[in-house]
PDB file of N, CA and C in Angstrom:
ATOM      1  N   MET A   1     -18.577 -64.311  11.912  1.00  0.00           N
ATOM      2  CA  MET A   1     -19.486 -64.454  10.605  1.00  0.00           C
ATOM      3  C   MET A   1     -18.936 -64.769   9.340  1.00  0.00           C
ATOM      4  N   LEU A   2     -17.775 -64.161   9.127  1.00  0.00           N
ATOM      5  CA  LEU A   2     -16.804 -64.161   7.993  1.00  0.00           C
ATOM      6  C   LEU A   2     -16.026 -65.670   8.044  1.00  0.00           C
ATOM      7  N   ARG A   3     -15.567 -65.932   9.311  1.00  0.00           N
ATOM      8  CA  ARG A   3     -14.875 -67.055   9.523  1.00  0.00           C
ATOM      9  C   ARG A   3     -15.740 -68.253   9.471  1.00  0.00           C
ATOM     10  N   GLU A   4     -17.009 -68.238  10.106  1.00  0.00           N
ATOM     11  CA  GLU A   4     -18.046 -69.285   9.780  1.00  0.00           C
ATOM     12  C   GLU A   4     -18.055 -69.575   8.171  1.00  0.00           C
ATOM     13  N   LYS A   5     -17.945 -68.588   7.297  1.00  0.00           N
ATOM     14  CA  LYS A   5     -18.333 -68.971   5.949  1.00  0.00           C
ATOM     15  C   LYS A   5     -16.849 -69.319   5.236  1.00  0.00           C
ATOM     16  N   GLY A   6     -15.877 -69.325   6.212  1.00  0.00           N
ATOM     17  CA  GLY A   6     -14.527 -69.597   5.520  1.00  0.00           C
ATOM     18  C   GLY A   6     -13.745 -68.678   4.829  1.00  0.00           C
ATOM     19  N   VAL A   7     -14.172 -67.330   4.935  1.00  0.00           N
ATOM     20  CA  VAL A   7     -13.658 -66.221   4.385  1.00  0.00           C
ATOM     21  C   VAL A   7     -12.297 -65.886   5.031  1.00  0.00           C
ATOM     22  N   GLN A   8     -11.356 -65.874   4.581  1.00  0.00           N
ATOM     23  CA  GLN A   8      -9.930 -65.421   4.974  1.00  0.00           C
ATOM     24  C   GLN A   8      -9.762 -63.973   5.051  1.00  0.00           C
ATOM     25  N   PHE A   9      -9.218 -63.497   6.113  1.00  0.00           N
ATOM     26  CA  PHE A   9      -9.205 -62.014   6.430  1.00  0.00           C
ATOM     27  C   PHE A   9      -7.950 -61.721   7.499  1.00  0.00           C
ATOM     28  N   GLU A  10      -7.247 -60.463   7.288  1.00  0.00           N
ATOM     29  CA  GLU A  10      -6.561 -60.038   8.427  1.00  0.00           C
ATOM     30  C   GLU A  10      -7.196 -59.211   9.271  1.00  0.00           C
ATOM     31  N   GLU A  11      -7.432 -59.396  10.582  1.00  0.00           N
ATOM     32  CA  GLU A  11      -7.821 -58.696  11.546  1.00  0.00           C
ATOM     33  C   GLU A  11      -6.901 -57.351  12.318  1.00  0.00           C
ATOM     34  N   ILE A  12      -7.609 -56.378  12.281  1.00  0.00           N
ATOM     35  CA  ILE A  12      -6.653 -55.375  12.984  1.00  0.00           C
ATOM     36  C   ILE A  12      -7.415 -55.093  13.955  1.00  0.00           C
ATOM     37  N   ASP A  13      -6.860 -54.816  15.420  1.00  0.00           N
ATOM     38  CA  ASP A  13      -7.512 -54.586  16.494  1.00  0.00           C
ATOM     39  C   ASP A  13      -7.602 -53.210  16.479  1.00  0.00           C
ATOM     40  N   LEU A  14      -8.581 -52.306  16.210  1.00  0.00           N
ATOM     41  CA  LEU A  14      -8.532 -50.938  16.049  1.00  0.00           C
ATOM     42  C   LEU A  14      -8.342 -50.224  17.568  1.00  0.00           C
ATOM     43  N   ASN A  15      -8.744 -51.144  18.636  1.00  0.00           N
ATOM     44  CA  ASN A  15      -8.748 -50.447  19.826  1.00  0.00           C
ATOM     45  C   ASN A  15      -7.167 -50.163  20.242  1.00  0.00           C
ATOM     46  N   LYS A  16      -6.166 -50.683  19.617  1.00  0.00           N
ATOM     47  CA  LYS A  16      -4.852 -50.362  19.882  1.00  0.00           C
ATOM     48  C   LYS A  16      -4.582 -49.282  19.158  1.00  0.00           C
ATOM     49  N   GLY A  17      -5.284 -48.689  18.373  1.00  0.00           N
ATOM     50  CA  GLY A  17      -5.263 -47.413  17.656  1.00  0.00           C
ATOM     51  C   GLY A  17      -4.253 -47.544  16.156  1.00  0.00           C
ATOM     52  N   LEU A  18      -4.453 -46.689  15.460  1.00  0.00           N
ATOM     53  CA  LEU A  18      -3.641 -46.557  14.151  1.00  0.00           C
ATOM     54  C   LEU A  18      -3.155 -44.921  14.132  1.00  0.00           C
ATOM     55  N   VAL A  19      -1.829 -44.875  13.661  1.00  0.00           N
ATOM     56  CA  VAL A  19      -0.998 -43.664  13.539  1.00  0.00           C
ATOM     57  C   VAL A  19      -1.723 -42.854  12.355  1.00  0.00           C
ATOM     58  N   VAL A  20      -1.658 -41.723  12.502  1.00  0.00           N
ATOM     59  CA  VAL A  20      -2.258 -40.825  11.429  1.00  0.00           C
ATOM     60  C   VAL A  20      -1.824 -41.259   9.912  1.00  0.00           C
ATOM     61  N   ALA A  21      -0.827 -41.870   9.774  1.00  0.00           N
ATOM     62  CA  ALA A  21      -0.230 -42.152   8.579  1.00  0.00           C
ATOM     63  C   ALA A  21      -1.226 -43.470   7.868  1.00  0.00           C
ATOM     64  N   GLU A  22      -1.381 -44.241   8.972  1.00  0.00           N
ATOM     65  CA  GLU A  22      -2.181 -45.540   8.738  1.00  0.00           C
ATOM     66  C   GLU A  22      -3.658 -45.026   8.381  1.00  0.00           C
ATOM     67  N   LEU A  23      -3.989 -44.370   9.069  1.00  0.00           N
ATOM     68  CA  LEU A  23      -5.488 -43.764   8.903  1.00  0.00           C
ATOM     69  C   LEU A  23      -5.490 -43.070   7.455  1.00  0.00           C
ATOM     70  N   GLU A  24      -4.368 -42.299   7.079  1.00  0.00           N
ATOM     71  CA  GLU A  24      -4.663 -41.615   5.847  1.00  0.00           C
ATOM     72  C   GLU A  24      -4.411 -42.291   4.717  1.00  0.00           C
ATOM     73  N   LYS A  25      -3.699 -43.689   4.656  1.00  0.00           N
ATOM     74  CA  LYS A  25      -3.588 -44.746   3.888  1.00  0.00           C
ATOM     75  C   LYS A  25      -5.006 -45.578   3.704  1.00  0.00           C
ATOM     76  N   LEU A  26      -5.685 -45.748   4.844  1.00  0.00           N
ATOM     77  CA  LEU A  26      -6.786 -46.455   4.902  1.00  0.00           C
ATOM     78  C   LEU A  26      -7.975 -45.450   4.151  1.00  0.00           C
ATOM     79  N   ILE A  27      -7.990 -44.239   4.660  1.00  0.00           N
ATOM     80  CA  ILE A  27      -9.109 -43.341   4.039  1.00  0.00           C
ATOM     81  C   ILE A  27      -8.888 -42.797   2.741  1.00  0.00           C
ATOM     82  N   GLY A  28      -7.708 -42.704   2.327  1.00  0.00           N
ATOM     83  CA  GLY A  28      -7.372 -42.387   0.883  1.00  0.00           C
ATOM     84  C   GLY A  28      -7.946 -41.120   0.612  1.00  0.00           C
ATOM     85  N   ALA A  29      -8.747 -41.243  -0.822  1.00  0.00           N
ATOM     86  CA  ALA A  29      -9.482 -39.781  -1.329  1.00  0.00           C
ATOM     87  C   ALA A  29     -10.830 -39.967  -0.774  1.00  0.00           C
ATOM     88  N   ARG A  30     -11.309 -40.960   0.105  1.00  0.00           N
ATOM     89  CA  ARG A  30     -12.912 -41.119   0.572  1.00  0.00           C
ATOM     90  C   ARG A  30     -13.058 -39.966   1.420  1.00  0.00           C
ATOM     91  N   ASP A  31     -14.353 -39.638   1.761  1.00  0.00           N
ATOM     92  CA  ASP A  31     -14.542 -38.767   2.681  1.00  0.00           C
ATOM     93  C   ASP A  31     -14.333 -39.424   4.067  1.00  0.00           C
ATOM     94  N   TYR A  32     -13.587 -38.619   4.848  1.00  0.00           N
ATOM     95  CA  TYR A  32     -13.066 -38.964   6.049  1.00  0.00           C
ATOM     96  C   TYR A  32     -14.154 -38.903   7.101  1.00  0.00           C
ATOM     97  N   LEU A  33     -15.103 -37.978   6.979  1.00  0.00           N
ATOM     98  CA  LEU A  33     -16.422 -37.814   7.871  1.00  0.00           C
ATOM     99  C   LEU A  33     -16.881 -39.246   7.874  1.00  0.00           C
ATOM    100  N   GLU A  34     -17.103 -39.876   6.722  1.00  0.00           N
ATOM    101  CA  GLU A  34     -17.791 -41.092   6.970  1.00  0.00           C
ATOM    102  C   GLU A  34     -17.111 -42.216   7.904  1.00  0.00           C
ATOM    103  N   PHE A  35     -15.721 -42.037   8.289  1.00  0.00           N
ATOM    104  CA  PHE A  35     -15.038 -42.952   9.235  1.00  0.00           C
ATOM    105  C   PHE A  35     -15.238 -42.428  10.578  1.00  0.00           C
ATOM    106  N   LEU A  36     -16.053 -41.507  10.843  1.00  0.00           N
ATOM    107  CA  LEU A  36     -16.193 -40.964  12.322  1.00  0.00           C
ATOM    108  C   LEU A  36     -17.328 -41.761  12.807  1.00  0.00           C
ATOM    109  N   ASN A  37     -17.317 -42.287  14.243  1.00  0.00           N
ATOM    110  CA  ASN A  37     -18.347 -42.795  14.803  1.00  0.00           C
ATOM    111  C   ASN A  37     -19.283 -41.858  15.551  1.00  0.00           C
ATOM    112  N   THR A  38     -20.479 -41.581  14.845  1.00  0.00           N
ATOM    113  CA  THR A  38     -21.139 -40.615  15.198  1.00  0.00           C
ATOM    114  C   THR A  38     -22.042 -40.990  16.643  1.00  0.00           C
ATOM    115  N   ARG A  39     -21.970 -42.209  17.070  1.00  0.00           N
ATOM    116  CA  ARG A  39     -22.336 -42.711  18.546  1.00  0.00           C
ATOM    117  C   ARG A  39     -21.418 -42.397  19.460  1.00  0.00           C
ATOM    118  N   ASN A  40     -19.951 -42.134  19.161  1.00  0.00           N
ATOM    119  CA  ASN A  40     -19.058 -41.966  20.115  1.00  0.00           C
ATOM    120  C   ASN A  40     -19.214 -40.535  21.047  1.00  0.00           C
ATOM    121  N   GLU A  41     -18.906 -40.630  22.174  1.00  0.00           N
ATOM    122  CA  GLU A  41     -19.029 -39.473  23.284  1.00  0.00           C
ATOM    123  C   GLU A  41     -18.304 -38.276  22.562  1.00  0.00           C
ATOM    124  N   LEU A  42     -16.895 -38.460  22.326  1.00  0.00           N
ATOM    125  CA  LEU A  42     -16.340 -37.266  22.142  1.00  0.00           C
ATOM    126  C   LEU A  42     -16.952 -36.785  20.536  1.00  0.00           C
ATOM    127  N   TYR A  43     -17.391 -37.608  19.682  1.00  0.00           N
ATOM    128  CA  TYR A  43     -18.244 -36.887  18.432  1.00  0.00           C
ATOM    129  C   TYR A  43     -19.350 -36.078  18.914  1.00  0.00           C
ATOM    130  N   ARG A  44     -20.091 -36.562  20.041  1.00  0.00           N
ATOM    131  CA  ARG A  44     -21.102 -35.745  20.434  1.00  0.00           C
ATOM    132  C   ARG A  44     -20.947 -34.578  21.274  1.00  0.00           C
ATOM    133  N   GLU A  45     -19.832 -34.767  22.154  1.00  0.00           N
ATOM    134  CA  GLU A  45     -19.400 -33.739  23.136  1.00  0.00           C
ATOM    135  C   GLU A  45     -18.770 -32.445  22.245  1.00  0.00           C
ATOM    136  N   ARG A  46     -18.073 -32.752  20.998  1.00  0.00           N
ATOM    137  CA  ARG A  46     -17.512 -31.552  20.385  1.00  0.00           C
ATOM    138  C   ARG A  46     -18.587 -31.030  19.115  1.00  0.00           C
ATOM    139  N   ASN A  47     -19.813 -31.907  19.247  1.00  0.00           N
ATOM    140  CA  ASN A  47     -20.910 -31.565  18.404  1.00  0.00           C
ATOM    141  C   ASN A  47     -20.240 -31.457  16.784  1.00  0.00           C
ATOM    142  N   MET A  48     -19.802 -32.619  16.265  1.00  0.00           N
ATOM    143  CA  MET A  48     -18.910 -32.674  15.182  1.00  0.00           C
ATOM    144  C   MET A  48     -19.994 -32.734  13.982  1.00  0.00           C
ATOM    145  N   LYS A  49     -21.051 -33.125  14.221  1.00  0.00           N
ATOM    146  CA  LYS A  49     -22.257 -33.116  13.108  1.00  0.00           C
ATOM    147  C   LYS A  49     -22.568 -31.504  12.821  1.00  0.00           C
ATOM    148  N   GLU A  50     -22.664 -30.834  13.489  1.00  0.00           N
ATOM    149  CA  GLU A  50     -22.693 -29.202  13.199  1.00  0.00           C
ATOM    150  C   GLU A  50     -21.515 -28.656  12.794  1.00  0.00           C
ATOM    151  N   HIS A  51     -20.607 -28.923  13.909  1.00  0.00           N
ATOM    152  CA  HIS A  51     -19.107 -28.376  13.419  1.00  0.00           C
ATOM    153  C   HIS A  51     -17.779 -29.375  13.016  1.00  0.00           C
ATOM    154  N   PRO A  52     -17.996 -29.872  11.858  1.00  0.00           N
ATOM    155  CA  PRO A  52     -17.008 -30.957  11.586  1.00  0.00           C
ATOM    156  C   PRO A  52     -15.522 -30.700  11.638  1.00  0.00           C
ATOM    157  N   PRO A  53     -14.808 -31.541  12.135  1.00  0.00           N
ATOM    158  CA  PRO A  53     -13.609 -31.278  12.081  1.00  0.00           C
ATOM    159  C   PRO A  53     -12.563 -31.130  10.848  1.00  0.00           C
ATOM    160  N   SER A  54     -11.802 -30.728  10.833  1.00  0.00           N
ATOM    161  CA  SER A  54     -10.915 -30.633   9.268  1.00  0.00           C
ATOM    162  C   SER A  54     -10.301 -32.037   9.016  1.00  0.00           C
ATOM    163  N   ARG A  55      -9.915 -32.145   8.010  1.00  0.00           N
ATOM    164  CA  ARG A  55      -9.316 -33.746   7.909  1.00  0.00           C
ATOM    165  C   ARG A  55      -8.174 -34.056   8.850  1.00  0.00           C
ATOM    166  N   ALA A  56      -7.304 -32.928   8.879  1.00  0.00           N
ATOM    167  CA  ALA A  56      -6.082 -33.198   9.608  1.00  0.00           C
ATOM    168  C   ALA A  56      -6.451 -33.232  11.224  1.00  0.00           C
ATOM    169  N   GLU A  57      -7.389 -32.696  11.694  1.00  0.00           N
ATOM    170  CA  GLU A  57      -8.015 -32.616  12.968  1.00  0.00           C
ATOM    171  C   GLU A  57      -8.610 -33.980  13.007  1.00  0.00           C
ATOM    172  N   ALA A  58      -9.515 -34.462  12.271  1.00  0.00           N
ATOM    173  CA  ALA A  58     -10.127 -35.649  12.436  1.00  0.00           C
ATOM    174  C   ALA A  58      -9.339 -36.945  12.557  1.00  0.00           C
ATOM    175  N   LEU A  59      -8.328 -36.918  11.563  1.00  0.00           N
ATOM    176  CA  LEU A  59      -7.281 -37.855  11.839  1.00  0.00           C
ATOM    177  C   LEU A  59      -6.563 -38.129  12.956  1.00  0.00           C
ATOM    178  N   LYS A  60      -5.992 -36.881  13.437  1.00  0.00           N
ATOM    179  CA  LYS A  60      -5.285 -36.831  14.689  1.00  0.00           C
ATOM    180  C   LYS A  60      -6.086 -37.334  15.751  1.00  0.00           C
ATOM    181  N   LEU A  61      -7.534 -36.959  15.896  1.00  0.00           N
ATOM    182  CA  LEU A  61      -8.547 -37.412  16.896  1.00  0.00           C
ATOM    183  C   LEU A  61      -8.791 -38.964  16.839  1.00  0.00           C
ATOM    184  N   MET A  62      -8.745 -39.364  15.568  1.00  0.00           N
ATOM    185  CA  MET A  62      -9.117 -40.713  15.345  1.00  0.00           C
ATOM    186  C   MET A  62      -7.961 -41.614  15.694  1.00  0.00           C
ATOM    187  N   SER A  63      -6.713 -41.125  15.657  1.00  0.00           N
ATOM    188  CA  SER A  63      -5.398 -41.697  16.186  1.00  0.00           C
ATOM    189  C   SER A  63      -5.288 -41.712  17.665  1.00  0.00           C
ATOM    190  N   GLU A  64      -5.630 -40.678  18.160  1.00  0.00           N
ATOM    191  CA  GLU A  64      -5.918 -40.494  19.659  1.00  0.00           C
ATOM    192  C   GLU A  64      -6.698 -40.966  20.444  1.00  0.00           C
ATOM    193  N   ASN A  65      -8.190 -41.326  19.744  1.00  0.00           N
ATOM    194  CA  ASN A  65      -9.191 -41.896  20.394  1.00  0.00           C
ATOM    195  C   ASN A  65      -9.655 -42.849  19.212  1.00  0.00           C
ATOM    196  N   PRO A  66      -9.182 -44.075  19.289  1.00  0.00           N
ATOM    197  CA  PRO A  66      -9.471 -45.213  18.438  1.00  0.00           C
ATOM    198  C   PRO A  66     -11.073 -45.511  18.491  1.00  0.00           C
ATOM    199  N   ASN A  67     -11.825 -45.268  19.552  1.00  0.00           N
ATOM    200  CA  ASN A  67     -13.216 -45.525  19.397  1.00  0.00           C
ATOM    201  C   ASN A  67     -13.951 -44.558  18.821  1.00  0.00           C
ATOM    202  N   LEU A  68     -13.391 -43.431  18.088  1.00  0.00           N
ATOM    203  CA  LEU A  68     -13.905 -42.373  17.349  1.00  0.00           C
ATOM    204  C   LEU A  68     -14.054 -43.213  15.835  1.00  0.00           C
ATOM    205  N   ILE A  69     -13.447 -44.195  15.587  1.00  0.00           N
ATOM    206  CA  ILE A  69     -13.355 -44.717  14.268  1.00  0.00           C
ATOM    207  C   ILE A  69     -14.443 -45.650  14.080  1.00  0.00           C
ATOM    208  N   LYS A  70     -15.331 -45.565  13.074  1.00  0.00           N
ATOM    209  CA  LYS A  70     -16.489 -46.249  12.728  1.00  0.00           C
ATOM    210  C   LYS A  70     -16.039 -47.930  12.521  1.00  0.00           C
ATOM    211  N   ARG A  71     -16.636 -48.546  13.137  1.00  0.00           N
ATOM    212  CA  ARG A  71     -16.344 -50.172  12.777  1.00  0.00           C
ATOM    213  C   ARG A  71     -17.555 -51.004  12.774  1.00  0.00           C
ATOM    214  N   PRO A  72     -17.378 -52.130  12.084  1.00  0.00           N
ATOM    215  CA  PRO A  72     -16.061 -52.539  11.614  1.00  0.00           C
ATOM    216  C   PRO A  72     -15.807 -52.041  10.173  1.00  0.00           C
ATOM    217  N   ILE A  73     -14.674 -52.376   9.842  1.00  0.00           N
ATOM    218  CA  ILE A  73     -14.183 -51.424   8.566  1.00  0.00           C
ATOM    219  C   ILE A  73     -13.709 -52.994   7.724  1.00  0.00           C
ATOM    220  N   LEU A  74     -14.223 -53.094   6.712  1.00  0.00           N
ATOM    221  CA  LEU A  74     -13.936 -54.231   5.835  1.00  0.00           C
ATOM    222  C   LEU A  74     -13.300 -53.699   4.430  1.00  0.00           C
ATOM    223  N   VAL A  75     -11.942 -54.087   4.068  1.00  0.00           N
ATOM    224  CA  VAL A  75     -11.369 -53.601   3.043  1.00  0.00           C
ATOM    225  C   VAL A  75     -11.253 -54.617   2.191  1.00  0.00           C
ATOM    226  N   ASP A  76     -11.756 -54.668   0.876  1.00  0.00           N
ATOM    227  CA  ASP A  76     -11.527 -55.745  -0.261  1.00  0.00           C
ATOM    228  C   ASP A  76     -11.057 -55.123  -1.453  1.00  0.00           C
ATOM    229  N   GLY A  77      -9.835 -55.139  -1.433  1.00  0.00           N
ATOM    230  CA  GLY A  77      -9.096 -54.600  -2.462  1.00  0.00           C
ATOM    231  C   GLY A  77      -9.339 -52.801  -2.573  1.00  0.00           C
ATOM    232  N   LYS A  78     -10.168 -52.274  -3.364  1.00  0.00           N
ATOM    233  CA  LYS A  78     -10.399 -50.973  -3.149  1.00  0.00           C
ATOM    234  C   LYS A  78     -11.635 -50.478  -2.650  1.00  0.00           C
ATOM    235  N   THR A  79     -12.496 -51.613  -2.579  1.00  0.00           N
ATOM    236  CA  THR A  79     -13.724 -51.436  -1.688  1.00  0.00           C
ATOM    237  C   THR A  79     -13.656 -51.241  -0.185  1.00  0.00           C
ATOM    238  N   ILE A  80     -14.269 -50.317   0.242  1.00  0.00           N
ATOM    239  CA  ILE A  80     -14.301 -50.314   1.627  1.00  0.00           C
ATOM    240  C   ILE A  80     -15.982 -50.049   2.154  1.00  0.00           C
ATOM    241  N   THR A  81     -16.155 -51.195   3.190  1.00  0.00           N
ATOM    242  CA  THR A  81     -17.324 -51.111   3.831  1.00  0.00           C
ATOM    243  C   THR A  81     -17.215 -50.714   5.188  1.00  0.00           C
ATOM    244  N   LEU A  82     -18.053 -49.857   5.565  1.00  0.00           N
ATOM    245  CA  LEU A  82     -17.860 -49.376   7.025  1.00  0.00           C
ATOM    246  C   LEU A  82     -19.275 -49.755   7.665  1.00  0.00           C
ATOM    247  N   GLY A  83     -18.896 -50.045   9.334  1.00  0.00           N
ATOM    248  CA  GLY A  83     -20.278 -49.842  10.128  1.00  0.00           C
ATOM    249  C   GLY A  83     -21.376 -50.992   9.572  1.00  0.00           C
ATOM    250  N   SER A  84     -22.354 -50.677   9.964  1.00  0.00           N
ATOM    251  CA  SER A  84     -23.558 -51.432  10.052  1.00  0.00           C
ATOM    252  C   SER A  84     -23.682 -52.225   8.607  1.00  0.00           C
ATOM    253  N   ALA A  85     -23.354 -51.451   7.583  1.00  0.00           N
ATOM    254  CA  ALA A  85     -23.572 -51.708   6.199  1.00  0.00           C
ATOM    255  C   ALA A  85     -22.492 -52.931   5.834  1.00  0.00           C
ATOM    256  N   VAL A  86     -21.759 -53.538   6.911  1.00  0.00           N
ATOM    257  CA  VAL A  86     -20.895 -54.698   6.736  1.00  0.00           C
ATOM    258  C   VAL A  86     -21.692 -56.027   7.040  1.00  0.00           C
ATOM    259  N   GLY A  87     -22.746 -56.002   7.573  1.00  0.00           N
ATOM    260  CA  GLY A  87     -23.695 -57.137   8.032  1.00  0.00           C
ATOM    261  C   GLY A  87     -24.768 -57.112   6.766  1.00  0.00           C
ATOM    262  N   ALA A  88     -24.974 -56.065   5.979  1.00  0.00           N
ATOM    263  CA  ALA A  88     -26.023 -56.076   5.289  1.00  0.00           C
ATOM    264  C   ALA A  88     -25.960 -56.704   3.888  1.00  0.00           C
TER     265      ALA A  88
END
């Protein structure tokens, strides 16, 4: 959709995973819980809604399980748009 509109962007394949330091930089001071994919099997298995992981644990889990990261993620300078809000 963005390419069709002539928007230039850098695409990062989240399936290849991000190291914890990359996730830390991406998330910054934002609420790390917003980056968790609530539809992910691991999220449901660990009942993260009721028992959210610590920031360090969440970053480690997202690094090890890239599908746990909500997507798509659009970064425009300091603005980050996550998930279904991208198409809105």
